[in-house]
Amino acid sequence: MLAQQYAAIKRDLDEKGIVFSFSGYLSEGILYSLGEALREKMTLEEADAPTVRRVFAVFVEQMQNIIRYSAEKVTGATTRAIELSAGMVTIGMEQNKVFIVCGNTVHNADVPRLRERLDHLRSLDREGIKTYYREQLREEPEDGSRGATIGLIDIARRASEPIDYDFDVMDAERSFFCLKVRI
């Protein structure tokens, strides 16, 4: 029974074109290790260097967003302070493009501002995204921002299509946020 359950999960991932998947608690160290595995996998598949760079950059930015903004965290201290953020990432191929999907829990209070930013990015063409990026580099970061505005713009700059996103309300306090980027 155990093997059947996990073989079914593996088949489902394969059918969806997913070649890389992680779900759990993340730290900068895990990000580094997963990033190295992703880079090596793409190198073995002989992906061209610009695609590898774009996929890697989007992967890192999305994972950093999970680490910084996930509403699901565990903290503690041993010999040093520890904070882990929960989320998931899947990377795969569809219609000859690489896709990266990240998801994590967010506070419902943050949803309207995040939706507004993402809708604005979706409304811009490639040149508009470049211009907006340059403008935002000159602006002071918003209070409480840890770089998400620039990060989302950078993701949109590297995407080959408009980014997709969705929210699924979990309860009165939290929603599950999902962002999909195609390269």
C-alpha atoms as a PDB file:
ATOM      1  CA  MET A   1       0.000   0.000   0.000  1.00  0.00           C
ATOM      2  CA  LEU A   2       2.777   2.466   0.891  1.00  0.00           C
ATOM      3  CA  ALA A   3       4.590   1.956  -2.416  1.00  0.00           C
ATOM      4  CA  GLN A   4       1.332   2.310  -4.343  1.00  0.00           C
ATOM      5  CA  GLN A   5       0.516   5.633  -2.677  1.00  0.00           C
ATOM      6  CA  TYR A   6       3.892   7.160  -3.398  1.00  0.00           C
ATOM      7  CA  ALA A   7       4.112   5.657  -6.876  1.00  0.00           C
ATOM      8  CA  ALA A   8       0.761   7.343  -7.620  1.00  0.00           C
ATOM      9  CA  ILE A   9       2.171  10.692  -6.444  1.00  0.00           C
ATOM     10  CA  LYS A  10       5.247  10.170  -8.647  1.00  0.00           C
ATOM     11  CA  ARG A  11       3.070   9.271 -11.674  1.00  0.00           C
ATOM     12  CA  ASP A  12       0.938  12.364 -11.096  1.00  0.00           C
ATOM     13  CA  LEU A  13       4.026  14.586 -11.003  1.00  0.00           C
ATOM     14  CA  ASP A  14       5.405  12.934 -14.152  1.00  0.00           C
ATOM     15  CA  GLU A  15       2.085  13.415 -15.986  1.00  0.00           C
ATOM     16  CA  LYS A  16       2.125  17.113 -15.111  1.00  0.00           C
ATOM     17  CA  GLY A  17       5.671  17.465 -16.504  1.00  0.00           C
ATOM     18  CA  ILE A  18       7.151  18.165 -13.070  1.00  0.00           C
ATOM     19  CA  VAL A  19      10.848  17.336 -12.857  1.00  0.00           C
ATOM     20  CA  PHE A  20      11.614  18.928  -9.487  1.00  0.00           C
ATOM     21  CA  SER A  21       9.400  19.273  -6.434  1.00  0.00           C
ATOM     22  CA  PHE A  22       9.883  20.290  -2.809  1.00  0.00           C
ATOM     23  CA  SER A  23       7.376  20.885  -0.043  1.00  0.00           C
ATOM     24  CA  GLY A  24       8.325  21.675   3.521  1.00  0.00           C
ATOM     25  CA  TYR A  25      10.267  24.073   5.679  1.00  0.00           C
ATOM     26  CA  LEU A  26      12.906  26.244   4.010  1.00  0.00           C
ATOM     27  CA  SER A  27      16.015  28.089   5.101  1.00  0.00           C
ATOM     28  CA  GLU A  28      18.765  29.852   3.185  1.00  0.00           C
ATOM     29  CA  GLY A  29      20.857  26.660   3.435  1.00  0.00           C
ATOM     30  CA  ILE A  30      18.100  24.533   1.915  1.00  0.00           C
ATOM     31  CA  LEU A  31      17.614  27.156  -0.794  1.00  0.00           C
ATOM     32  CA  TYR A  32      21.306  26.906  -1.685  1.00  0.00           C
ATOM     33  CA  SER A  33      21.219  23.098  -1.821  1.00  0.00           C
ATOM     34  CA  LEU A  34      18.033  22.950  -3.902  1.00  0.00           C
ATOM     35  CA  GLY A  35      19.418  25.625  -6.217  1.00  0.00           C
ATOM     36  CA  GLU A  36      22.578  23.620  -6.825  1.00  0.00           C
ATOM     37  CA  ALA A  37      20.530  20.488  -7.571  1.00  0.00           C
ATOM     38  CA  LEU A  38      18.358  22.455 -10.012  1.00  0.00           C
ATOM     39  CA  ARG A  39      21.370  23.954 -11.784  1.00  0.00           C
ATOM     40  CA  GLU A  40      23.024  20.532 -12.108  1.00  0.00           C
ATOM     41  CA  LYS A  41      19.809  18.928 -13.413  1.00  0.00           C
ATOM     42  CA  MET A  42      19.432  21.619 -16.082  1.00  0.00           C
ATOM     43  CA  THR A  43      23.101  21.285 -17.038  1.00  0.00           C
ATOM     44  CA  LEU A  44      22.675  17.519 -17.463  1.00  0.00           C
ATOM     45  CA  GLU A  45      19.676  18.196 -19.709  1.00  0.00           C
ATOM     46  CA  GLU A  46      21.917  20.520 -21.751  1.00  0.00           C
ATOM     47  CA  ALA A  47      19.677  23.558 -21.320  1.00  0.00           C
ATOM     48  CA  ASP A  48      21.155  26.686 -22.873  1.00  0.00           C
ATOM     49  CA  ALA A  49      23.009  28.999 -20.481  1.00  0.00           C
ATOM     50  CA  PRO A  50      20.583  31.983 -20.693  1.00  0.00           C
ATOM     51  CA  THR A  51      17.633  29.720 -19.830  1.00  0.00           C
ATOM     52  CA  VAL A  52      19.528  28.167 -16.916  1.00  0.00           C
ATOM     53  CA  ARG A  53      20.340  31.657 -15.579  1.00  0.00           C
ATOM     54  CA  ARG A  54      16.739  32.877 -15.917  1.00  0.00           C
ATOM     55  CA  VAL A  55      15.248  29.755 -14.333  1.00  0.00           C
ATOM     56  CA  PHE A  56      17.783  29.829 -11.512  1.00  0.00           C
ATOM     57  CA  ALA A  57      17.198  33.548 -10.827  1.00  0.00           C
ATOM     58  CA  VAL A  58      13.398  33.130 -10.735  1.00  0.00           C
ATOM     59  CA  PHE A  59      13.710  30.025  -8.559  1.00  0.00           C
ATOM     60  CA  VAL A  60      15.922  31.855  -6.043  1.00  0.00           C
ATOM     61  CA  GLU A  61      13.654  34.922  -5.971  1.00  0.00           C
ATOM     62  CA  GLN A  62      10.518  32.839  -5.443  1.00  0.00           C
ATOM     63  CA  MET A  63      12.157  30.760  -2.716  1.00  0.00           C
ATOM     64  CA  GLN A  64      13.380  33.920  -0.966  1.00  0.00           C
ATOM     65  CA  ASN A  65       9.814  35.238  -1.045  1.00  0.00           C
ATOM     66  CA  ILE A  66       8.678  32.080   0.748  1.00  0.00           C
ATOM     67  CA  ILE A  67      11.468  32.400   3.314  1.00  0.00           C
ATOM     68  CA  ARG A  68      10.689  36.079   3.959  1.00  0.00           C
ATOM     69  CA  TYR A  69       6.896  36.209   3.690  1.00  0.00           C
ATOM     70  CA  SER A  70       5.392  32.810   4.474  1.00  0.00           C
ATOM     71  CA  ALA A  71       2.795  33.099   7.240  1.00  0.00           C
ATOM     72  CA  GLU A  72       3.688  29.567   8.320  1.00  0.00           C
ATOM     73  CA  LYS A  73       6.958  29.662  10.264  1.00  0.00           C
ATOM     74  CA  VAL A  74       8.665  27.800  13.069  1.00  0.00           C
ATOM     75  CA  THR A  75      11.235  29.527  15.230  1.00  0.00           C
ATOM     76  CA  GLY A  76      13.518  28.580  18.027  1.00  0.00           C
ATOM     77  CA  ALA A  77      16.999  28.925  19.374  1.00  0.00           C
ATOM     78  CA  THR A  78      19.761  26.494  20.155  1.00  0.00           C
ATOM     79  CA  THR A  79      23.221  27.977  19.856  1.00  0.00           C
ATOM     80  CA  ARG A  80      21.715  30.505  17.402  1.00  0.00           C
ATOM     81  CA  ALA A  81      18.282  31.810  16.381  1.00  0.00           C
ATOM     82  CA  ILE A  82      16.491  29.613  13.842  1.00  0.00           C
ATOM     83  CA  GLU A  83      13.546  30.505  11.626  1.00  0.00           C
ATOM     84  CA  LEU A  84      12.124  28.153   9.015  1.00  0.00           C
ATOM     85  CA  SER A  85       9.352  29.107   6.580  1.00  0.00           C
ATOM     86  CA  ALA A  86       6.952  26.609   5.027  1.00  0.00           C
ATOM     87  CA  GLY A  87       6.215  26.502   1.322  1.00  0.00           C
ATOM     88  CA  MET A  88       6.445  24.471  -1.836  1.00  0.00           C
ATOM     89  CA  VAL A  89       8.082  24.701  -5.237  1.00  0.00           C
ATOM     90  CA  THR A  90       7.612  22.660  -8.390  1.00  0.00           C
ATOM     91  CA  ILE A  91       9.523  23.013 -11.625  1.00  0.00           C
ATOM     92  CA  GLY A  92       8.583  21.331 -14.847  1.00  0.00           C
ATOM     93  CA  MET A  93       8.084  21.549 -18.574  1.00  0.00           C
ATOM     94  CA  GLU A  94       4.926  22.320 -20.513  1.00  0.00           C
ATOM     95  CA  GLN A  95       4.629  23.345 -24.149  1.00  0.00           C
ATOM     96  CA  ASN A  96       8.442  23.478 -24.452  1.00  0.00           C
ATOM     97  CA  LYS A  97       8.762  26.026 -21.651  1.00  0.00           C
ATOM     98  CA  VAL A  98      10.087  25.654 -18.130  1.00  0.00           C
ATOM     99  CA  PHE A  99       7.585  26.554 -15.437  1.00  0.00           C
ATOM    100  CA  ILE A 100       8.237  27.342 -11.794  1.00  0.00           C
ATOM    101  CA  VAL A 101       5.365  27.272  -9.315  1.00  0.00           C
ATOM    102  CA  CYS A 102       5.841  28.367  -5.719  1.00  0.00           C
ATOM    103  CA  GLY A 103       3.227  28.402  -3.027  1.00  0.00           C
ATOM    104  CA  ASN A 104       2.997  29.427   0.594  1.00  0.00           C
ATOM    105  CA  THR A 105       0.576  30.617   3.225  1.00  0.00           C
ATOM    106  CA  VAL A 106       0.098  34.398   3.495  1.00  0.00           C
ATOM    107  CA  HIS A 107      -1.844  36.584   5.908  1.00  0.00           C
ATOM    108  CA  ASN A 108      -5.201  37.662   4.472  1.00  0.00           C
ATOM    109  CA  ALA A 109      -4.365  41.271   5.361  1.00  0.00           C
ATOM    110  CA  ASP A 110      -1.488  41.114   2.817  1.00  0.00           C
ATOM    111  CA  VAL A 111      -3.592  39.707  -0.044  1.00  0.00           C
ATOM    112  CA  PRO A 112      -5.036  42.984  -1.437  1.00  0.00           C
ATOM    113  CA  ARG A 113      -1.631  44.696  -1.718  1.00  0.00           C
ATOM    114  CA  LEU A 114      -0.022  41.597  -3.255  1.00  0.00           C
ATOM    115  CA  ARG A 115      -2.916  41.159  -5.703  1.00  0.00           C
ATOM    116  CA  GLU A 116      -2.619  44.845  -6.696  1.00  0.00           C
ATOM    117  CA  ARG A 117       1.128  44.496  -7.388  1.00  0.00           C
ATOM    118  CA  LEU A 118       0.677  41.328  -9.412  1.00  0.00           C
ATOM    119  CA  ASP A 119      -2.260  42.722 -11.418  1.00  0.00           C
ATOM    120  CA  HIS A 120      -0.189  45.815 -12.214  1.00  0.00           C
ATOM    121  CA  LEU A 121       2.708  43.642 -13.442  1.00  0.00           C
ATOM    122  CA  ARG A 122       0.324  41.547 -15.551  1.00  0.00           C
ATOM    123  CA  SER A 123      -1.007  44.736 -17.185  1.00  0.00           C
ATOM    124  CA  LEU A 124       2.446  45.809 -18.427  1.00  0.00           C
ATOM    125  CA  ASP A 125       4.155  44.731 -21.637  1.00  0.00           C
ATOM    126  CA  ARG A 126       7.853  43.796 -21.649  1.00  0.00           C
ATOM    127  CA  GLU A 127       9.005  47.408 -22.163  1.00  0.00           C
ATOM    128  CA  GLY A 128       6.647  48.628 -19.443  1.00  0.00           C
ATOM    129  CA  ILE A 129       8.083  46.078 -17.004  1.00  0.00           C
ATOM    130  CA  LYS A 130      11.629  47.281 -17.780  1.00  0.00           C
ATOM    131  CA  THR A 131      10.633  50.901 -17.205  1.00  0.00           C
ATOM    132  CA  TYR A 132       8.774  50.077 -13.994  1.00  0.00           C
ATOM    133  CA  TYR A 133      11.813  48.117 -12.740  1.00  0.00           C
ATOM    134  CA  ARG A 134      14.144  51.087 -13.323  1.00  0.00           C
ATOM    135  CA  GLU A 135      11.670  53.444 -11.590  1.00  0.00           C
ATOM    136  CA  GLN A 136      11.368  51.161  -8.553  1.00  0.00           C
ATOM    137  CA  LEU A 137      15.147  50.867  -8.216  1.00  0.00           C
ATOM    138  CA  ARG A 138      15.237  54.632  -7.611  1.00  0.00           C
ATOM    139  CA  GLU A 139      12.388  54.548  -5.049  1.00  0.00           C
ATOM    140  CA  GLU A 140      12.746  54.026  -1.317  1.00  0.00           C
ATOM    141  CA  PRO A 141      11.432  50.608  -0.220  1.00  0.00           C
ATOM    142  CA  GLU A 142       7.999  50.542   1.420  1.00  0.00           C
ATOM    143  CA  ASP A 143       7.810  50.224   5.189  1.00  0.00           C
ATOM    144  CA  GLY A 144       8.064  46.569   6.163  1.00  0.00           C
ATOM    145  CA  SER A 145       9.236  45.545   2.692  1.00  0.00           C
ATOM    146  CA  ARG A 146      12.063  43.079   2.471  1.00  0.00           C
ATOM    147  CA  GLY A 147      12.517  43.527  -1.265  1.00  0.00           C
ATOM    148  CA  ALA A 148       9.321  41.896  -2.539  1.00  0.00           C
ATOM    149  CA  THR A 149       8.396  44.729  -4.901  1.00  0.00           C
ATOM    150  CA  ILE A 150      11.703  44.595  -6.788  1.00  0.00           C
ATOM    151  CA  GLY A 151      11.716  40.796  -6.570  1.00  0.00           C
ATOM    152  CA  LEU A 152       8.299  40.436  -8.187  1.00  0.00           C
ATOM    153  CA  ILE A 153       9.249  42.889 -10.924  1.00  0.00           C
ATOM    154  CA  ASP A 154      12.469  40.952 -11.536  1.00  0.00           C
ATOM    155  CA  ILE A 155      10.476  37.721 -11.818  1.00  0.00           C
ATOM    156  CA  ALA A 156       8.140  39.367 -14.351  1.00  0.00           C
ATOM    157  CA  ARG A 157      11.172  40.675 -16.318  1.00  0.00           C
ATOM    158  CA  ARG A 158      12.564  37.160 -16.679  1.00  0.00           C
ATOM    159  CA  ALA A 159       9.248  35.477 -17.519  1.00  0.00           C
ATOM    160  CA  SER A 160       8.421  34.676 -21.133  1.00  0.00           C
ATOM    161  CA  GLU A 161       4.683  35.162 -20.487  1.00  0.00           C
ATOM    162  CA  PRO A 162       2.637  37.133 -17.969  1.00  0.00           C
ATOM    163  CA  ILE A 163       2.908  35.581 -14.514  1.00  0.00           C
ATOM    164  CA  ASP A 164      -0.052  33.599 -13.155  1.00  0.00           C
ATOM    165  CA  TYR A 165      -1.144  33.714  -9.559  1.00  0.00           C
ATOM    166  CA  ASP A 166      -4.000  32.645  -7.330  1.00  0.00           C
ATOM    167  CA  PHE A 167      -5.132  32.754  -3.714  1.00  0.00           C
ATOM    168  CA  ASP A 168      -7.127  30.094  -1.889  1.00  0.00           C
ATOM    169  CA  VAL A 169      -8.687  31.260   1.390  1.00  0.00           C
ATOM    170  CA  MET A 170      -7.802  28.802   4.152  1.00  0.00           C
ATOM    171  CA  ASP A 171      -9.498  30.507   7.106  1.00  0.00           C
ATOM    172  CA  ALA A 172     -10.239  33.989   8.487  1.00  0.00           C
ATOM    173  CA  GLU A 173      -6.520  34.734   8.940  1.00  0.00           C
ATOM    174  CA  ARG A 174      -4.690  32.994   6.097  1.00  0.00           C
ATOM    175  CA  SER A 175      -4.752  32.168   2.395  1.00  0.00           C
ATOM    176  CA  PHE A 176      -2.605  29.903   0.254  1.00  0.00           C
ATOM    177  CA  PHE A 177      -0.788  31.948  -2.395  1.00  0.00           C
ATOM    178  CA  CYS A 178       0.532  30.376  -5.584  1.00  0.00           C
ATOM    179  CA  LEU A 179       2.691  32.022  -8.279  1.00  0.00           C
ATOM    180  CA  LYS A 180       3.492  30.419 -11.648  1.00  0.00           C
ATOM    181  CA  VAL A 181       6.197  31.700 -13.988  1.00  0.00           C
ATOM    182  CA  ARG A 182       7.000  30.371 -17.455  1.00  0.00           C
ATOM    183  CA  ILE A 183      10.434  30.759 -19.015  1.00  0.00           C
END
